[in-house]
Amino acid sequence: PAASGTAPATAATASAADEAAPAAVAVAVGAVNGQGPVPVVSPLVRRLARQHDIDLRRLAGSGPDGLILRADVDGAIRQAEETAATARVAEAPGRTPAAPVSPAAPDAERIPLRGVRGAVADKLSRSRTEIPDATCWVDADATELMAVRAAMNTATGPSAGPKVSVLALLARICTAALARFPELNSTVDTEAREIVRLPGVHLGFAAQTDRGLVVPVVRDAHIRNVESIGAEIARLTELARTGKLSPAQLTGGTFTLNNYGVFGVDGSTPIINHPEAAMLGVGRIMPKPWVHQGELAVRQVVQLSLTFDHRVCDGGTAGGFLRYVADCVEQPAVLLRTL
């Protein structure tokens, strides 16, 4: 009901649907604390304000001629809740909020960035802060590569050996590509303003563990064959799984291979593993429609993405590296030239 001394609401103005009616409509003027009229139409708005102790006189209406709408009251309620939440945090012992927080923040779970997670956070933040990175990608037909791998793993007799993983084949392709494009096997000395090209390839590979993401390093990958690289990847992966990797096995990489396809995704834009200059990302290998030899066929397709430090090379070099990797994936015989 309207407060004493105010005009009674008509049927048109009593409805919440008339909240935004033009000023020409008869406006019920509600008094607050007996201190004069407030431009408000809807009983819903007045009731909502009373329920949340909102002084309508302090609100600037956003409707025609300063009419106070429900949106104005809702905004005042949110602001009051945020102010109360900030005050609660500020009064907590030993806690000083750096900035206003949402009403739910005091009850939120806080997870310290320590250990592996903290180290990863620091490294990724530094990478994005210091390195002007760019990403290029290409889809490749991996059908022949998968066929070669199957042939290797089904071989019998004296030629038989340990099972070869897709990651080991891609790692060997990377070392061959880096031999052709050494700009990407480098780092930047920011103080000296120099690009430092590194003589050997120490290949890191991303491994997800219960303790978080780690990047073990295969030392001297450039002088290893597929079997040797595969065996070292398997050994380091087991150490990572059991949490037994030493600091030396997690540092000193010059290039990183990231197979995020194991998570069932096709593509990504990898963040460079600082202070390296590039990372190759590999999506899942999936059967997809593909034009092969002029005809539509179902082929095993993979997306390859290269994130590179634009200080060490331009797009032509990065594109050449990625295209060579894709060519080796599509035609593994190309790799034989460098073995």
C-alpha atoms as a PDB file:
ATOM      1  CA  PRO A   1       0.000   0.000   0.000  1.00  0.00           C
ATOM      2  CA  ALA A   2       1.060   3.598  -0.586  1.00  0.00           C
ATOM      3  CA  ALA A   3       2.457   5.475   2.371  1.00  0.00           C
ATOM      4  CA  SER A   4       0.277   8.078   4.131  1.00  0.00           C
ATOM      5  CA  GLY A   5      -0.007  11.313   2.233  1.00  0.00           C
ATOM      6  CA  THR A   6       0.732   9.830  -1.190  1.00  0.00           C
ATOM      7  CA  ALA A   7      -1.479   9.305  -4.195  1.00  0.00           C
ATOM      8  CA  PRO A   8      -3.094   5.838  -4.344  1.00  0.00           C
ATOM      9  CA  ALA A   9      -1.819   3.461  -7.052  1.00  0.00           C
ATOM     10  CA  THR A  10      -4.100   2.847  -9.991  1.00  0.00           C
ATOM     11  CA  ALA A  11      -4.632  -0.611 -11.498  1.00  0.00           C
ATOM     12  CA  ALA A  12      -2.249   0.289 -14.304  1.00  0.00           C
ATOM     13  CA  THR A  13       0.554   1.332 -11.973  1.00  0.00           C
ATOM     14  CA  ALA A  14       0.221  -1.531  -9.504  1.00  0.00           C
ATOM     15  CA  SER A  15       1.503  -4.112 -11.954  1.00  0.00           C
ATOM     16  CA  ALA A  16       5.215  -5.029 -12.055  1.00  0.00           C
ATOM     17  CA  ALA A  17       4.933  -5.089 -15.825  1.00  0.00           C
ATOM     18  CA  ASP A  18       4.409  -1.337 -15.762  1.00  0.00           C
ATOM     19  CA  GLU A  19       7.772  -0.792 -14.055  1.00  0.00           C
ATOM     20  CA  ALA A  20       9.234   0.994 -17.067  1.00  0.00           C
ATOM     21  CA  ALA A  21       6.069   2.898 -18.030  1.00  0.00           C
ATOM     22  CA  PRO A  22       6.526   6.441 -19.388  1.00  0.00           C
ATOM     23  CA  ALA A  23       6.379   9.328 -16.984  1.00  0.00           C
ATOM     24  CA  ALA A  24       3.000  10.244 -18.460  1.00  0.00           C
ATOM     25  CA  VAL A  25       1.492   7.206 -16.706  1.00  0.00           C
ATOM     26  CA  ALA A  26       0.186   7.967 -13.232  1.00  0.00           C
ATOM     27  CA  VAL A  27       3.204   7.276 -11.008  1.00  0.00           C
ATOM     28  CA  ALA A  28       2.724   6.073  -7.487  1.00  0.00           C
ATOM     29  CA  VAL A  29       5.083   8.117  -5.341  1.00  0.00           C
ATOM     30  CA  GLY A  30       6.178   6.149  -2.288  1.00  0.00           C
ATOM     31  CA  ALA A  31       7.568   7.895   0.750  1.00  0.00           C
ATOM     32  CA  VAL A  32      10.588   6.412   2.490  1.00  0.00           C
ATOM     33  CA  ASN A  33      11.119   7.072   6.193  1.00  0.00           C
ATOM     34  CA  GLY A  34       8.509   9.812   5.939  1.00  0.00           C
ATOM     35  CA  GLN A  35      10.924  12.174   4.220  1.00  0.00           C
ATOM     36  CA  GLY A  36       9.179  12.923   0.972  1.00  0.00           C
ATOM     37  CA  PRO A  37       8.297  11.293  -2.341  1.00  0.00           C
ATOM     38  CA  VAL A  38      10.367   8.798  -4.347  1.00  0.00           C
ATOM     39  CA  PRO A  39       9.710   8.242  -8.085  1.00  0.00           C
ATOM     40  CA  VAL A  40       8.746   4.573  -8.173  1.00  0.00           C
ATOM     41  CA  VAL A  41       5.900   2.800  -9.963  1.00  0.00           C
ATOM     42  CA  SER A  42       6.029  -0.879  -9.144  1.00  0.00           C
ATOM     43  CA  PRO A  43       4.983  -2.332  -5.781  1.00  0.00           C
ATOM     44  CA  LEU A  44       7.483  -5.098  -6.524  1.00  0.00           C
ATOM     45  CA  VAL A  45      10.311  -2.556  -6.574  1.00  0.00           C
ATOM     46  CA  ARG A  46       9.219  -1.068  -3.251  1.00  0.00           C
ATOM     47  CA  ARG A  47       8.855  -4.484  -1.634  1.00  0.00           C
ATOM     48  CA  LEU A  48      12.255  -5.629  -2.927  1.00  0.00           C
ATOM     49  CA  ALA A  49      13.886  -2.492  -1.534  1.00  0.00           C
ATOM     50  CA  ARG A  50      12.281  -2.994   1.882  1.00  0.00           C
ATOM     51  CA  GLN A  51      13.370  -6.644   2.045  1.00  0.00           C
ATOM     52  CA  HIS A  52      17.018  -5.674   1.476  1.00  0.00           C
ATOM     53  CA  ASP A  53      17.068  -2.418   3.460  1.00  0.00           C
ATOM     54  CA  ILE A  54      17.693  -0.345   0.358  1.00  0.00           C
ATOM     55  CA  ASP A  55      16.969   3.382   0.733  1.00  0.00           C
ATOM     56  CA  LEU A  56      15.208   4.270  -2.496  1.00  0.00           C
ATOM     57  CA  ARG A  57      15.917   7.951  -1.895  1.00  0.00           C
ATOM     58  CA  ARG A  58      19.628   7.278  -2.433  1.00  0.00           C
ATOM     59  CA  LEU A  59      19.103   5.682  -5.835  1.00  0.00           C
ATOM     60  CA  ALA A  60      19.278   7.483  -9.157  1.00  0.00           C
ATOM     61  CA  GLY A  61      16.548   6.000 -11.311  1.00  0.00           C
ATOM     62  CA  SER A  62      17.467   4.909 -14.822  1.00  0.00           C
ATOM     63  CA  GLY A  63      13.906   5.087 -16.138  1.00  0.00           C
ATOM     64  CA  PRO A  64      12.130   8.009 -17.821  1.00  0.00           C
ATOM     65  CA  ASP A  65      12.289  11.186 -15.717  1.00  0.00           C
ATOM     66  CA  GLY A  66      14.384   9.415 -13.083  1.00  0.00           C
ATOM     67  CA  LEU A  67      11.898   6.577 -12.520  1.00  0.00           C
ATOM     68  CA  ILE A  68      13.437   3.886 -10.267  1.00  0.00           C
ATOM     69  CA  LEU A  69      13.302   0.465 -11.948  1.00  0.00           C
ATOM     70  CA  ARG A  70      13.881  -3.015 -10.588  1.00  0.00           C
ATOM     71  CA  ALA A  71      17.289  -3.098 -12.291  1.00  0.00           C
ATOM     72  CA  ASP A  72      18.300  -0.090 -10.166  1.00  0.00           C
ATOM     73  CA  VAL A  73      17.336  -1.894  -6.961  1.00  0.00           C
ATOM     74  CA  ASP A  74      19.028  -5.144  -8.057  1.00  0.00           C
ATOM     75  CA  GLY A  75      22.235  -3.205  -8.704  1.00  0.00           C
ATOM     76  CA  ALA A  76      22.064  -1.610  -5.262  1.00  0.00           C
ATOM     77  CA  ILE A  77      21.575  -5.047  -3.655  1.00  0.00           C
ATOM     78  CA  ARG A  78      24.636  -6.465  -5.433  1.00  0.00           C
ATOM     79  CA  GLN A  79      26.760  -3.498  -4.426  1.00  0.00           C
ATOM     80  CA  ALA A  80      25.688  -3.846  -0.793  1.00  0.00           C
ATOM     81  CA  GLU A  81      26.543  -7.566  -0.791  1.00  0.00           C
ATOM     82  CA  GLU A  82      29.977  -6.933  -2.311  1.00  0.00           C
ATOM     83  CA  THR A  83      30.704  -4.209   0.228  1.00  0.00           C
ATOM     84  CA  ALA A  84      29.704  -6.495   3.094  1.00  0.00           C
ATOM     85  CA  ALA A  85      31.853  -9.354   1.733  1.00  0.00           C
ATOM     86  CA  THR A  86      34.882  -7.074   1.384  1.00  0.00           C
ATOM     87  CA  ALA A  87      34.414  -5.865   4.946  1.00  0.00           C
ATOM     88  CA  ARG A  88      34.295  -9.448   6.264  1.00  0.00           C
ATOM     89  CA  VAL A  89      37.545 -10.337   4.520  1.00  0.00           C
ATOM     90  CA  ALA A  90      39.248  -7.155   5.729  1.00  0.00           C
ATOM     91  CA  GLU A  91      38.277  -7.917   9.331  1.00  0.00           C
ATOM     92  CA  ALA A  92      39.642 -11.473   9.210  1.00  0.00           C
ATOM     93  CA  PRO A  93      42.922 -11.896  11.190  1.00  0.00           C
ATOM     94  CA  GLY A  94      46.008 -11.565   9.016  1.00  0.00           C
ATOM     95  CA  ARG A  95      44.005 -11.017   5.840  1.00  0.00           C
ATOM     96  CA  THR A  96      44.045  -7.842   3.792  1.00  0.00           C
ATOM     97  CA  PRO A  97      42.279  -8.112   0.437  1.00  0.00           C
ATOM     98  CA  ALA A  98      44.211  -6.611  -2.449  1.00  0.00           C
ATOM     99  CA  ALA A  99      41.004  -5.774  -4.289  1.00  0.00           C
ATOM    100  CA  PRO A 100      37.235  -6.057  -3.910  1.00  0.00           C
ATOM    101  CA  VAL A 101      36.057  -9.647  -4.027  1.00  0.00           C
ATOM    102  CA  SER A 102      32.785 -11.252  -5.025  1.00  0.00           C
ATOM    103  CA  PRO A 103      30.324 -12.275  -2.287  1.00  0.00           C
ATOM    104  CA  ALA A 104      31.315 -15.940  -2.768  1.00  0.00           C
ATOM    105  CA  ALA A 105      35.065 -15.298  -2.448  1.00  0.00           C
ATOM    106  CA  PRO A 106      35.292 -15.649   1.379  1.00  0.00           C
ATOM    107  CA  ASP A 107      33.898 -19.180   1.078  1.00  0.00           C
ATOM    108  CA  ALA A 108      36.001 -20.158  -1.957  1.00  0.00           C
ATOM    109  CA  GLU A 109      38.666 -22.853  -1.783  1.00  0.00           C
ATOM    110  CA  ARG A 110      42.224 -21.483  -1.930  1.00  0.00           C
ATOM    111  CA  ILE A 111      44.940 -23.722  -3.391  1.00  0.00           C
ATOM    112  CA  PRO A 112      48.549 -22.620  -2.819  1.00  0.00           C
ATOM    113  CA  LEU A 113      50.727 -22.463  -5.940  1.00  0.00           C
ATOM    114  CA  ARG A 114      53.545 -24.582  -4.571  1.00  0.00           C
ATOM    115  CA  GLY A 115      55.695 -27.474  -5.689  1.00  0.00           C
ATOM    116  CA  VAL A 116      55.292 -28.664  -9.270  1.00  0.00           C
ATOM    117  CA  ARG A 117      52.160 -26.572  -9.846  1.00  0.00           C
ATOM    118  CA  GLY A 118      53.898 -23.433  -8.602  1.00  0.00           C
ATOM    119  CA  ALA A 119      56.997 -24.048 -10.709  1.00  0.00           C
ATOM    120  CA  VAL A 120      54.874 -24.618 -13.809  1.00  0.00           C
ATOM    121  CA  ALA A 121      52.857 -21.459 -13.123  1.00  0.00           C
ATOM    122  CA  ASP A 122      56.025 -19.374 -12.793  1.00  0.00           C
ATOM    123  CA  LYS A 123      57.541 -20.758 -15.964  1.00  0.00           C
ATOM    124  CA  LEU A 124      54.415 -20.333 -18.072  1.00  0.00           C
ATOM    125  CA  SER A 125      53.908 -16.792 -16.791  1.00  0.00           C
ATOM    126  CA  ARG A 126      57.499 -15.906 -17.584  1.00  0.00           C
ATOM    127  CA  SER A 127      57.160 -17.397 -21.065  1.00  0.00           C
ATOM    128  CA  ARG A 128      54.103 -15.313 -21.879  1.00  0.00           C
ATOM    129  CA  THR A 129      55.681 -12.203 -20.350  1.00  0.00           C
ATOM    130  CA  GLU A 130      59.056 -12.386 -22.116  1.00  0.00           C
ATOM    131  CA  ILE A 131      58.504 -14.273 -25.371  1.00  0.00           C
ATOM    132  CA  PRO A 132      56.656 -12.739 -28.341  1.00  0.00           C
ATOM    133  CA  ASP A 133      55.205 -16.034 -29.512  1.00  0.00           C
ATOM    134  CA  ALA A 134      53.241 -16.901 -32.610  1.00  0.00           C
ATOM    135  CA  THR A 135      51.550 -20.124 -33.700  1.00  0.00           C
ATOM    136  CA  CYS A 136      51.076 -21.780 -37.075  1.00  0.00           C
ATOM    137  CA  TRP A 137      49.409 -25.104 -37.758  1.00  0.00           C
ATOM    138  CA  VAL A 138      48.650 -27.619 -40.479  1.00  0.00           C
ATOM    139  CA  ASP A 139      46.575 -30.774 -40.906  1.00  0.00           C
ATOM    140  CA  ALA A 140      48.544 -33.793 -42.066  1.00  0.00           C
ATOM    141  CA  ASP A 141      47.610 -37.234 -43.368  1.00  0.00           C
ATOM    142  CA  ALA A 142      49.283 -39.617 -40.893  1.00  0.00           C
ATOM    143  CA  THR A 143      48.012 -42.803 -42.549  1.00  0.00           C
ATOM    144  CA  GLU A 144      51.422 -43.801 -43.926  1.00  0.00           C
ATOM    145  CA  LEU A 145      53.174 -43.017 -40.630  1.00  0.00           C
ATOM    146  CA  MET A 146      50.758 -45.258 -38.762  1.00  0.00           C
ATOM    147  CA  ALA A 147      51.293 -48.001 -41.333  1.00  0.00           C
ATOM    148  CA  VAL A 148      55.070 -47.735 -40.924  1.00  0.00           C
ATOM    149  CA  ARG A 149      54.718 -47.936 -37.156  1.00  0.00           C
ATOM    150  CA  ALA A 150      52.506 -51.018 -37.450  1.00  0.00           C
ATOM    151  CA  ALA A 151      55.076 -52.672 -39.728  1.00  0.00           C
ATOM    152  CA  MET A 152      57.878 -51.913 -37.266  1.00  0.00           C
ATOM    153  CA  ASN A 153      55.924 -53.373 -34.364  1.00  0.00           C
ATOM    154  CA  THR A 154      54.888 -56.561 -36.162  1.00  0.00           C
ATOM    155  CA  ALA A 155      58.315 -57.352 -37.571  1.00  0.00           C
ATOM    156  CA  THR A 156      59.726 -60.753 -36.587  1.00  0.00           C
ATOM    157  CA  GLY A 157      63.128 -62.376 -36.640  1.00  0.00           C
ATOM    158  CA  PRO A 158      66.459 -60.551 -36.318  1.00  0.00           C
ATOM    159  CA  SER A 159      64.883 -57.246 -37.398  1.00  0.00           C
ATOM    160  CA  ALA A 160      62.349 -57.293 -34.562  1.00  0.00           C
ATOM    161  CA  GLY A 161      62.876 -54.909 -31.682  1.00  0.00           C
ATOM    162  CA  PRO A 162      61.028 -53.021 -28.937  1.00  0.00           C
ATOM    163  CA  LYS A 163      57.648 -51.571 -29.756  1.00  0.00           C
ATOM    164  CA  VAL A 164      57.870 -48.118 -31.300  1.00  0.00           C
ATOM    165  CA  SER A 165      55.534 -45.386 -30.081  1.00  0.00           C
ATOM    166  CA  VAL A 166      54.041 -42.604 -32.183  1.00  0.00           C
ATOM    167  CA  LEU A 167      55.737 -40.115 -29.856  1.00  0.00           C
ATOM    168  CA  ALA A 168      59.147 -41.653 -30.564  1.00  0.00           C
ATOM    169  CA  LEU A 169      58.575 -41.370 -34.323  1.00  0.00           C
ATOM    170  CA  LEU A 170      57.492 -37.742 -33.988  1.00  0.00           C
ATOM    171  CA  ALA A 171      60.490 -37.013 -31.778  1.00  0.00           C
ATOM    172  CA  ARG A 172      62.851 -38.388 -34.431  1.00  0.00           C
ATOM    173  CA  ILE A 173      61.073 -36.316 -37.073  1.00  0.00           C
ATOM    174  CA  CYS A 174      61.583 -33.234 -34.882  1.00  0.00           C
ATOM    175  CA  THR A 175      65.321 -33.795 -34.574  1.00  0.00           C
ATOM    176  CA  ALA A 176      65.583 -34.123 -38.352  1.00  0.00           C
ATOM    177  CA  ALA A 177      63.568 -30.924 -38.804  1.00  0.00           C
ATOM    178  CA  LEU A 178      65.738 -29.041 -36.300  1.00  0.00           C
ATOM    179  CA  ALA A 179      68.842 -30.079 -38.241  1.00  0.00           C
ATOM    180  CA  ARG A 180      67.334 -28.291 -41.258  1.00  0.00           C
ATOM    181  CA  PHE A 181      66.006 -25.331 -39.282  1.00  0.00           C
ATOM    182  CA  PRO A 182      68.491 -24.741 -36.425  1.00  0.00           C
ATOM    183  CA  GLU A 183      66.968 -21.315 -35.709  1.00  0.00           C
ATOM    184  CA  LEU A 184      64.299 -23.102 -33.682  1.00  0.00           C
ATOM    185  CA  ASN A 185      66.858 -24.939 -31.533  1.00  0.00           C
ATOM    186  CA  SER A 186      67.997 -21.781 -29.815  1.00  0.00           C
ATOM    187  CA  THR A 187      67.396 -19.376 -26.963  1.00  0.00           C
ATOM    188  CA  VAL A 188      67.539 -15.613 -26.543  1.00  0.00           C
ATOM    189  CA  ASP A 189      70.031 -13.916 -24.227  1.00  0.00           C
ATOM    190  CA  THR A 190      67.974 -10.846 -23.366  1.00  0.00           C
ATOM    191  CA  GLU A 191      70.757  -9.043 -21.507  1.00  0.00           C
ATOM    192  CA  ALA A 192      73.261  -9.428 -24.341  1.00  0.00           C
ATOM    193  CA  ARG A 193      70.522  -9.060 -26.977  1.00  0.00           C
ATOM    194  CA  GLU A 194      71.778 -12.150 -28.754  1.00  0.00           C
ATOM    195  CA  ILE A 195      70.206 -15.268 -30.251  1.00  0.00           C
ATOM    196  CA  VAL A 196      72.129 -18.312 -29.033  1.00  0.00           C
ATOM    197  CA  ARG A 197      71.905 -21.271 -31.417  1.00  0.00           C
ATOM    198  CA  LEU A 198      72.526 -24.498 -29.530  1.00  0.00           C
ATOM    199  CA  PRO A 199      74.753 -27.271 -30.901  1.00  0.00           C
ATOM    200  CA  GLY A 200      72.690 -30.262 -29.735  1.00  0.00           C
ATOM    201  CA  VAL A 201      69.029 -31.143 -29.320  1.00  0.00           C
ATOM    202  CA  HIS A 202      67.853 -31.950 -25.817  1.00  0.00           C
ATOM    203  CA  LEU A 203      64.250 -32.847 -26.518  1.00  0.00           C
ATOM    204  CA  GLY A 204      61.645 -32.233 -23.836  1.00  0.00           C
ATOM    205  CA  PHE A 205      58.264 -33.933 -23.934  1.00  0.00           C
ATOM    206  CA  ALA A 206      55.208 -32.979 -21.904  1.00  0.00           C
ATOM    207  CA  ALA A 207      54.033 -35.643 -19.467  1.00  0.00           C
ATOM    208  CA  GLN A 208      50.912 -35.382 -17.318  1.00  0.00           C
ATOM    209  CA  THR A 209      51.275 -36.937 -13.856  1.00  0.00           C
ATOM    210  CA  ASP A 210      49.311 -37.028 -10.613  1.00  0.00           C
ATOM    211  CA  ARG A 211      51.614 -34.263  -9.369  1.00  0.00           C
ATOM    212  CA  GLY A 212      50.955 -32.065 -12.399  1.00  0.00           C
ATOM    213  CA  LEU A 213      52.545 -31.369 -15.763  1.00  0.00           C
ATOM    214  CA  VAL A 214      56.255 -32.114 -16.079  1.00  0.00           C
ATOM    215  CA  VAL A 215      58.637 -31.955 -19.040  1.00  0.00           C
ATOM    216  CA  PRO A 216      61.359 -34.630 -18.894  1.00  0.00           C
ATOM    217  CA  VAL A 217      64.280 -34.125 -21.274  1.00  0.00           C
ATOM    218  CA  VAL A 218      65.780 -36.692 -23.668  1.00  0.00           C
ATOM    219  CA  ARG A 219      69.466 -35.732 -23.771  1.00  0.00           C
ATOM    220  CA  ASP A 220      71.308 -35.691 -27.090  1.00  0.00           C
ATOM    221  CA  ALA A 221      68.193 -36.635 -29.041  1.00  0.00           C
ATOM    222  CA  HIS A 222      69.912 -35.536 -32.261  1.00  0.00           C
ATOM    223  CA  ILE A 223      72.271 -38.529 -32.165  1.00  0.00           C
ATOM    224  CA  ARG A 224      69.648 -41.126 -31.179  1.00  0.00           C
ATOM    225  CA  ASN A 225      67.575 -43.342 -33.446  1.00  0.00           C
ATOM    226  CA  VAL A 226      63.878 -44.048 -32.999  1.00  0.00           C
ATOM    227  CA  GLU A 227      64.440 -47.047 -30.729  1.00  0.00           C
ATOM    228  CA  SER A 228      66.831 -45.149 -28.479  1.00  0.00           C
ATOM    229  CA  ILE A 229      64.527 -42.139 -28.217  1.00  0.00           C
ATOM    230  CA  GLY A 230      61.546 -44.397 -27.514  1.00  0.00           C
ATOM    231  CA  ALA A 231      63.374 -46.273 -24.771  1.00  0.00           C
ATOM    232  CA  GLU A 232      64.447 -43.039 -23.093  1.00  0.00           C
ATOM    233  CA  ILE A 233      60.922 -41.596 -23.312  1.00  0.00           C
ATOM    234  CA  ALA A 234      59.553 -44.762 -21.666  1.00  0.00           C
ATOM    235  CA  ARG A 235      62.180 -44.639 -18.905  1.00  0.00           C
ATOM    236  CA  LEU A 236      61.596 -40.966 -18.130  1.00  0.00           C
ATOM    237  CA  THR A 237      57.819 -41.385 -18.257  1.00  0.00           C
ATOM    238  CA  GLU A 238      57.986 -44.109 -15.615  1.00  0.00           C
ATOM    239  CA  LEU A 239      60.185 -41.902 -13.404  1.00  0.00           C
ATOM    240  CA  ALA A 240      57.691 -39.079 -13.857  1.00  0.00           C
ATOM    241  CA  ARG A 241      54.789 -41.334 -12.917  1.00  0.00           C
ATOM    242  CA  THR A 242      56.475 -42.386  -9.686  1.00  0.00           C
ATOM    243  CA  GLY A 243      57.720 -38.889  -8.866  1.00  0.00           C
ATOM    244  CA  LYS A 244      61.393 -39.856  -9.095  1.00  0.00           C
ATOM    245  CA  LEU A 245      62.622 -37.450 -11.766  1.00  0.00           C
ATOM    246  CA  SER A 246      65.691 -35.497 -10.727  1.00  0.00           C
ATOM    247  CA  PRO A 247      66.015 -31.737 -11.363  1.00  0.00           C
ATOM    248  CA  ALA A 248      68.652 -32.509 -14.016  1.00  0.00           C
ATOM    249  CA  GLN A 249      66.138 -34.640 -15.909  1.00  0.00           C
ATOM    250  CA  LEU A 250      63.654 -31.758 -15.974  1.00  0.00           C
ATOM    251  CA  THR A 251      65.956 -28.967 -17.113  1.00  0.00           C
ATOM    252  CA  GLY A 252      68.210 -28.095 -20.021  1.00  0.00           C
ATOM    253  CA  GLY A 253      65.756 -28.778 -22.829  1.00  0.00           C
ATOM    254  CA  THR A 254      66.193 -26.972 -26.147  1.00  0.00           C
ATOM    255  CA  PHE A 255      62.903 -27.918 -27.856  1.00  0.00           C
ATOM    256  CA  THR A 256      59.667 -29.471 -26.571  1.00  0.00           C
ATOM    257  CA  LEU A 257      57.214 -31.931 -28.099  1.00  0.00           C
ATOM    258  CA  ASN A 258      53.703 -31.802 -26.652  1.00  0.00           C
ATOM    259  CA  ASN A 259      51.323 -34.640 -27.534  1.00  0.00           C
ATOM    260  CA  TYR A 260      48.004 -33.309 -26.239  1.00  0.00           C
ATOM    261  CA  GLY A 261      46.163 -35.699 -28.545  1.00  0.00           C
ATOM    262  CA  VAL A 262      46.207 -38.219 -25.674  1.00  0.00           C
ATOM    263  CA  PHE A 263      43.566 -36.000 -24.030  1.00  0.00           C
ATOM    264  CA  GLY A 264      41.233 -36.448 -26.988  1.00  0.00           C
ATOM    265  CA  VAL A 265      41.643 -32.968 -28.457  1.00  0.00           C
ATOM    266  CA  ASP A 266      42.546 -31.979 -31.991  1.00  0.00           C
ATOM    267  CA  GLY A 267      44.393 -28.704 -31.591  1.00  0.00           C
ATOM    268  CA  SER A 268      45.959 -26.225 -29.209  1.00  0.00           C
ATOM    269  CA  THR A 269      48.275 -23.219 -29.077  1.00  0.00           C
ATOM    270  CA  PRO A 270      51.153 -24.464 -26.901  1.00  0.00           C
ATOM    271  CA  ILE A 271      52.967 -22.095 -24.540  1.00  0.00           C
ATOM    272  CA  ILE A 272      56.720 -22.203 -25.132  1.00  0.00           C
ATOM    273  CA  ASN A 273      58.769 -23.871 -22.407  1.00  0.00           C
ATOM    274  CA  HIS A 274      60.963 -20.914 -21.393  1.00  0.00           C
ATOM    275  CA  PRO A 275      63.809 -20.316 -22.293  1.00  0.00           C
ATOM    276  CA  GLU A 276      63.351 -22.457 -25.413  1.00  0.00           C
ATOM    277  CA  ALA A 277      62.348 -20.974 -28.760  1.00  0.00           C
ATOM    278  CA  ALA A 278      59.636 -23.356 -29.962  1.00  0.00           C
ATOM    279  CA  MET A 279      57.239 -26.178 -29.151  1.00  0.00           C
ATOM    280  CA  LEU A 280      55.497 -28.619 -31.485  1.00  0.00           C
ATOM    281  CA  GLY A 281      51.970 -29.613 -30.483  1.00  0.00           C
ATOM    282  CA  VAL A 282      50.344 -32.799 -31.763  1.00  0.00           C
ATOM    283  CA  GLY A 283      46.592 -33.462 -31.707  1.00  0.00           C
ATOM    284  CA  ARG A 284      44.825 -36.792 -31.798  1.00  0.00           C
ATOM    285  CA  ILE A 285      45.104 -38.932 -34.917  1.00  0.00           C
ATOM    286  CA  MET A 286      41.575 -39.529 -36.173  1.00  0.00           C
ATOM    287  CA  PRO A 287      39.921 -41.050 -39.258  1.00  0.00           C
ATOM    288  CA  LYS A 288      38.562 -38.145 -41.332  1.00  0.00           C
ATOM    289  CA  PRO A 289      37.469 -37.467 -44.910  1.00  0.00           C
ATOM    290  CA  TRP A 290      40.551 -36.527 -46.959  1.00  0.00           C
ATOM    291  CA  VAL A 291      41.336 -36.075 -50.617  1.00  0.00           C
ATOM    292  CA  HIS A 292      43.967 -38.708 -51.390  1.00  0.00           C
ATOM    293  CA  GLN A 293      45.358 -39.098 -54.908  1.00  0.00           C
ATOM    294  CA  GLY A 294      42.475 -37.074 -56.308  1.00  0.00           C
ATOM    295  CA  GLU A 295      39.722 -39.041 -54.588  1.00  0.00           C
ATOM    296  CA  LEU A 296      37.827 -38.626 -51.346  1.00  0.00           C
ATOM    297  CA  ALA A 297      38.882 -41.230 -48.802  1.00  0.00           C
ATOM    298  CA  VAL A 298      38.914 -41.845 -45.070  1.00  0.00           C
ATOM    299  CA  ARG A 299      42.443 -41.194 -43.800  1.00  0.00           C
ATOM    300  CA  GLN A 300      44.180 -40.886 -40.433  1.00  0.00           C
ATOM    301  CA  VAL A 301      44.513 -37.118 -39.971  1.00  0.00           C
ATOM    302  CA  VAL A 302      46.403 -35.161 -37.312  1.00  0.00           C
ATOM    303  CA  GLN A 303      46.720 -31.460 -36.615  1.00  0.00           C
ATOM    304  CA  LEU A 304      50.247 -30.190 -35.940  1.00  0.00           C
ATOM    305  CA  SER A 305      50.819 -26.774 -34.373  1.00  0.00           C
ATOM    306  CA  LEU A 306      54.095 -24.932 -33.874  1.00  0.00           C
ATOM    307  CA  THR A 307      54.436 -22.092 -31.381  1.00  0.00           C
ATOM    308  CA  PHE A 308      57.685 -20.205 -31.902  1.00  0.00           C
ATOM    309  CA  ASP A 309      59.584 -17.225 -30.544  1.00  0.00           C
ATOM    310  CA  HIS A 310      59.251 -14.578 -33.238  1.00  0.00           C
ATOM    311  CA  ARG A 311      62.574 -13.061 -32.155  1.00  0.00           C
ATOM    312  CA  VAL A 312      64.582 -16.048 -33.401  1.00  0.00           C
ATOM    313  CA  CYS A 313      62.948 -16.387 -36.808  1.00  0.00           C
ATOM    314  CA  ASP A 314      60.167 -15.203 -39.061  1.00  0.00           C
ATOM    315  CA  GLY A 315      57.118 -17.038 -40.300  1.00  0.00           C
ATOM    316  CA  GLY A 316      58.891 -18.439 -43.335  1.00  0.00           C
ATOM    317  CA  THR A 317      61.328 -20.416 -41.196  1.00  0.00           C
ATOM    318  CA  ALA A 318      58.616 -21.577 -38.803  1.00  0.00           C
ATOM    319  CA  GLY A 319      56.407 -22.571 -41.719  1.00  0.00           C
ATOM    320  CA  GLY A 320      59.292 -24.431 -43.378  1.00  0.00           C
ATOM    321  CA  PHE A 321      59.945 -26.401 -40.198  1.00  0.00           C
ATOM    322  CA  LEU A 322      56.285 -27.303 -39.774  1.00  0.00           C
ATOM    323  CA  ARG A 323      55.876 -28.231 -43.429  1.00  0.00           C
ATOM    324  CA  TYR A 324      58.911 -30.536 -43.245  1.00  0.00           C
ATOM    325  CA  VAL A 325      57.456 -32.252 -40.164  1.00  0.00           C
ATOM    326  CA  ALA A 326      54.122 -32.659 -41.949  1.00  0.00           C
ATOM    327  CA  ASP A 327      55.850 -34.058 -45.055  1.00  0.00           C
ATOM    328  CA  CYS A 328      57.642 -36.664 -42.915  1.00  0.00           C
ATOM    329  CA  VAL A 329      54.348 -37.595 -41.266  1.00  0.00           C
ATOM    330  CA  GLU A 330      52.637 -37.973 -44.638  1.00  0.00           C
ATOM    331  CA  GLN A 331      55.594 -39.626 -46.390  1.00  0.00           C
ATOM    332  CA  PRO A 332      57.895 -41.288 -43.839  1.00  0.00           C
ATOM    333  CA  ALA A 333      60.321 -42.133 -46.639  1.00  0.00           C
ATOM    334  CA  VAL A 334      61.289 -38.432 -46.665  1.00  0.00           C
ATOM    335  CA  LEU A 335      62.894 -39.026 -43.276  1.00  0.00           C
ATOM    336  CA  LEU A 336      65.165 -41.734 -44.666  1.00  0.00           C
ATOM    337  CA  ARG A 337      67.240 -39.062 -46.367  1.00  0.00           C
ATOM    338  CA  THR A 338      68.474 -37.768 -43.026  1.00  0.00           C
ATOM    339  CA  LEU A 339      68.929 -41.070 -41.168  1.00  0.00           C
END
